[in-house]
Amino acid sequence: MPNINKNDQISRIVSLIFTVRNMTHERAIQKNNKNASFLQLITLRFIKYKKPTMKGVADYLTITAPSATSLINNLAKDGLIKREAEKGDRRIVLIVITQKGERHLKKGMEHLSQKIRKNLEVLSQKEQDDLAKILGKVANNLKNNKEQ
């Protein structure tokens, strides 16, 4: 194996992470346009667990408020989410997932998981074990170092 310095290797890994994510997303869209988009899935998942405000959605997705409004309006139009006034302060509007949204999220995540699983089948059992160990280590580091 050629001698690669640590910064070059980390840059290569970052690039590969983005490449794999983009290709997975693009292939999911190409196969069936009826599938939930990746953005819809991560938005619905966030809404399911956080019941955020519109600002919370925009901040989480790092998008502008008008972009978040457009996304939320489309999800609401499809019956996947609804807006609810907060009980303590009716001026605050929370975004809440509906039962239809829960089913849509579950189906979309199952579809995405199948796609990822199929792509990981090219790895040997040892490579899968190593990848799981590595990703677990990175996840634990992120969890323990919130300032990153």
Protein backbone atom coordinates (compact mmCIF):
# COMPACT_ATOMS: atom_id res chain seq x y z
CA MET A 1 0.00 0.00 0.00
CA PRO A 2 1.44 3.41 -0.91
CA ASN A 3 2.53 5.71 1.88
CA ILE A 4 -0.28 8.27 2.30
CA ASN A 5 0.05 11.00 4.89
CA LYS A 6 -2.71 11.29 7.50
CA ASN A 7 -4.27 14.50 6.12
CA ASP A 8 -4.46 13.07 2.59
CA GLN A 9 -6.06 9.89 3.94
CA ILE A 10 -8.64 11.80 5.98
CA SER A 11 -9.45 13.98 2.96
CA ARG A 12 -9.91 10.82 0.90
CA ILE A 13 -12.21 9.30 3.54
CA VAL A 14 -14.32 12.48 3.73
CA SER A 15 -14.60 12.54 -0.04
CA LEU A 16 -15.63 8.88 -0.12
CA ILE A 17 -18.28 9.43 2.57
CA PHE A 18 -19.86 12.19 0.48
CA THR A 19 -19.56 10.13 -2.71
CA VAL A 20 -21.27 7.10 -1.14
CA ARG A 21 -24.03 9.27 0.33
CA ASN A 22 -24.68 11.08 -2.95
CA MET A 23 -24.66 7.92 -5.04
CA THR A 24 -27.00 6.14 -2.62
CA HIS A 25 -29.39 9.08 -2.73
CA GLU A 26 -29.25 9.42 -6.52
CA ARG A 27 -29.85 5.72 -7.10
CA ALA A 28 -32.81 5.68 -4.72
CA ILE A 29 -34.36 8.57 -6.65
CA GLN A 30 -33.64 7.00 -10.06
CA LYS A 31 -35.29 3.69 -9.13
CA ASN A 32 -38.61 5.13 -8.03
CA ASN A 33 -39.61 8.77 -7.87
CA LYS A 34 -42.44 7.83 -5.49
CA ASN A 35 -39.92 7.08 -2.75
CA ALA A 36 -39.39 9.66 -0.08
CA SER A 37 -36.43 11.90 -0.75
CA PHE A 38 -33.50 11.72 1.61
CA LEU A 39 -34.30 15.27 2.76
CA GLN A 40 -37.89 14.29 3.53
CA LEU A 41 -36.74 11.29 5.52
CA ILE A 42 -34.24 13.14 7.67
CA THR A 43 -36.77 15.94 8.17
CA LEU A 44 -39.55 13.55 9.19
CA ARG A 45 -37.18 11.69 11.52
CA PHE A 46 -36.10 14.94 13.16
CA ILE A 47 -39.72 16.06 13.53
CA LYS A 48 -40.72 12.68 14.99
CA TYR A 49 -38.21 12.89 17.82
CA LYS A 50 -37.97 16.65 18.46
CA LYS A 51 -41.37 18.23 17.60
CA PRO A 52 -39.49 21.39 16.55
CA THR A 53 -40.57 24.84 15.51
CA MET A 54 -40.04 26.00 11.93
CA LYS A 55 -36.81 27.68 13.05
CA GLY A 56 -35.70 24.40 14.61
CA VAL A 57 -36.20 22.61 11.29
CA ALA A 58 -34.28 25.30 9.39
CA ASP A 59 -31.43 25.24 11.91
CA TYR A 60 -31.23 21.44 11.93
CA LEU A 61 -31.10 21.22 8.13
CA THR A 62 -28.92 24.34 7.87
CA ILE A 63 -31.27 25.87 5.33
CA THR A 64 -32.97 29.25 5.15
CA ALA A 65 -36.34 29.85 6.79
CA PRO A 66 -38.11 30.20 3.39
CA SER A 67 -36.62 26.86 2.27
CA ALA A 68 -37.77 25.22 5.50
CA THR A 69 -41.24 26.73 5.05
CA SER A 70 -41.46 25.33 1.53
CA LEU A 71 -40.36 21.88 2.69
CA ILE A 72 -42.77 21.88 5.65
CA ASN A 73 -45.64 23.15 3.48
CA ASN A 74 -45.10 20.26 1.06
CA LEU A 75 -44.98 17.73 3.90
CA ALA A 76 -48.15 19.23 5.38
CA LYS A 77 -49.89 19.22 2.00
CA ASP A 78 -49.11 15.51 1.72
CA GLY A 79 -50.51 14.94 5.23
CA LEU A 80 -47.16 13.80 6.64
CA ILE A 81 -46.87 16.50 9.30
CA LYS A 82 -49.13 19.03 10.99
CA ARG A 83 -48.67 22.26 12.85
CA GLU A 84 -49.77 22.49 16.47
CA ALA A 85 -49.78 25.42 18.86
CA GLU A 86 -47.69 24.80 21.95
CA LYS A 87 -49.90 24.29 24.99
CA GLY A 88 -48.05 26.77 27.20
CA ASP A 89 -47.70 29.51 24.57
CA ARG A 90 -50.09 29.39 21.62
CA ARG A 91 -47.86 31.81 19.68
CA ILE A 92 -45.30 29.03 19.29
CA VAL A 93 -46.13 26.57 16.52
CA LEU A 94 -44.64 23.09 16.72
CA ILE A 95 -44.22 20.77 13.77
CA VAL A 96 -45.55 17.26 14.54
CA ILE A 97 -45.46 14.07 12.47
CA THR A 98 -48.81 12.46 11.63
CA GLN A 99 -49.63 8.74 11.56
CA LYS A 100 -49.39 8.91 7.77
CA GLY A 101 -45.98 10.57 8.19
CA GLU A 102 -44.89 7.79 10.57
CA ARG A 103 -45.84 5.15 7.98
CA HIS A 104 -44.11 7.13 5.21
CA LEU A 105 -40.97 7.47 7.33
CA LYS A 106 -40.95 3.77 8.21
CA LYS A 107 -41.39 2.72 4.58
CA GLY A 108 -38.76 5.18 3.37
CA MET A 109 -36.23 4.13 5.99
CA GLU A 110 -36.83 0.46 5.16
CA HIS A 111 -36.26 1.19 1.47
CA LEU A 112 -33.09 3.15 2.19
CA SER A 113 -31.84 0.44 4.57
CA GLN A 114 -32.37 -2.21 1.89
CA LYS A 115 -30.36 -0.15 -0.60
CA ILE A 116 -27.52 0.35 1.87
CA ARG A 117 -27.59 -3.30 2.92
CA LYS A 118 -27.36 -4.41 -0.71
CA ASN A 119 -24.34 -2.18 -1.26
CA LEU A 120 -22.63 -3.44 1.89
CA GLU A 121 -22.96 -7.04 0.72
CA VAL A 122 -19.84 -6.50 -1.44
CA LEU A 123 -17.83 -6.45 1.80
CA SER A 124 -16.61 -9.64 3.46
CA GLN A 125 -17.85 -10.41 6.97
CA LYS A 126 -14.54 -9.18 8.41
CA GLU A 127 -14.77 -5.94 6.42
CA GLN A 128 -18.35 -5.44 7.64
CA ASP A 129 -17.22 -6.06 11.24
CA ASP A 130 -14.32 -3.62 10.81
CA LEU A 131 -16.59 -0.98 9.27
CA ALA A 132 -19.12 -1.35 12.11
CA LYS A 133 -16.33 -1.01 14.68
CA ILE A 134 -14.90 2.07 12.94
CA LEU A 135 -18.27 3.79 12.53
CA GLY A 136 -19.12 3.00 16.15
CA LYS A 137 -15.88 4.58 17.28
CA VAL A 138 -16.54 7.72 15.21
CA ALA A 139 -20.14 7.91 16.51
CA ASN A 140 -18.97 7.58 20.13
CA ASN A 141 -16.40 10.31 19.58
CA LEU A 142 -19.07 12.61 18.16
CA LYS A 143 -21.43 11.83 21.04
CA ASN A 144 -18.74 12.47 23.66
CA ASN A 145 -17.35 15.64 22.03
CA LYS A 146 -20.40 17.80 21.42
CA GLU A 147 -18.31 20.86 20.58
CA GLN A 148 -17.17 19.27 17.30
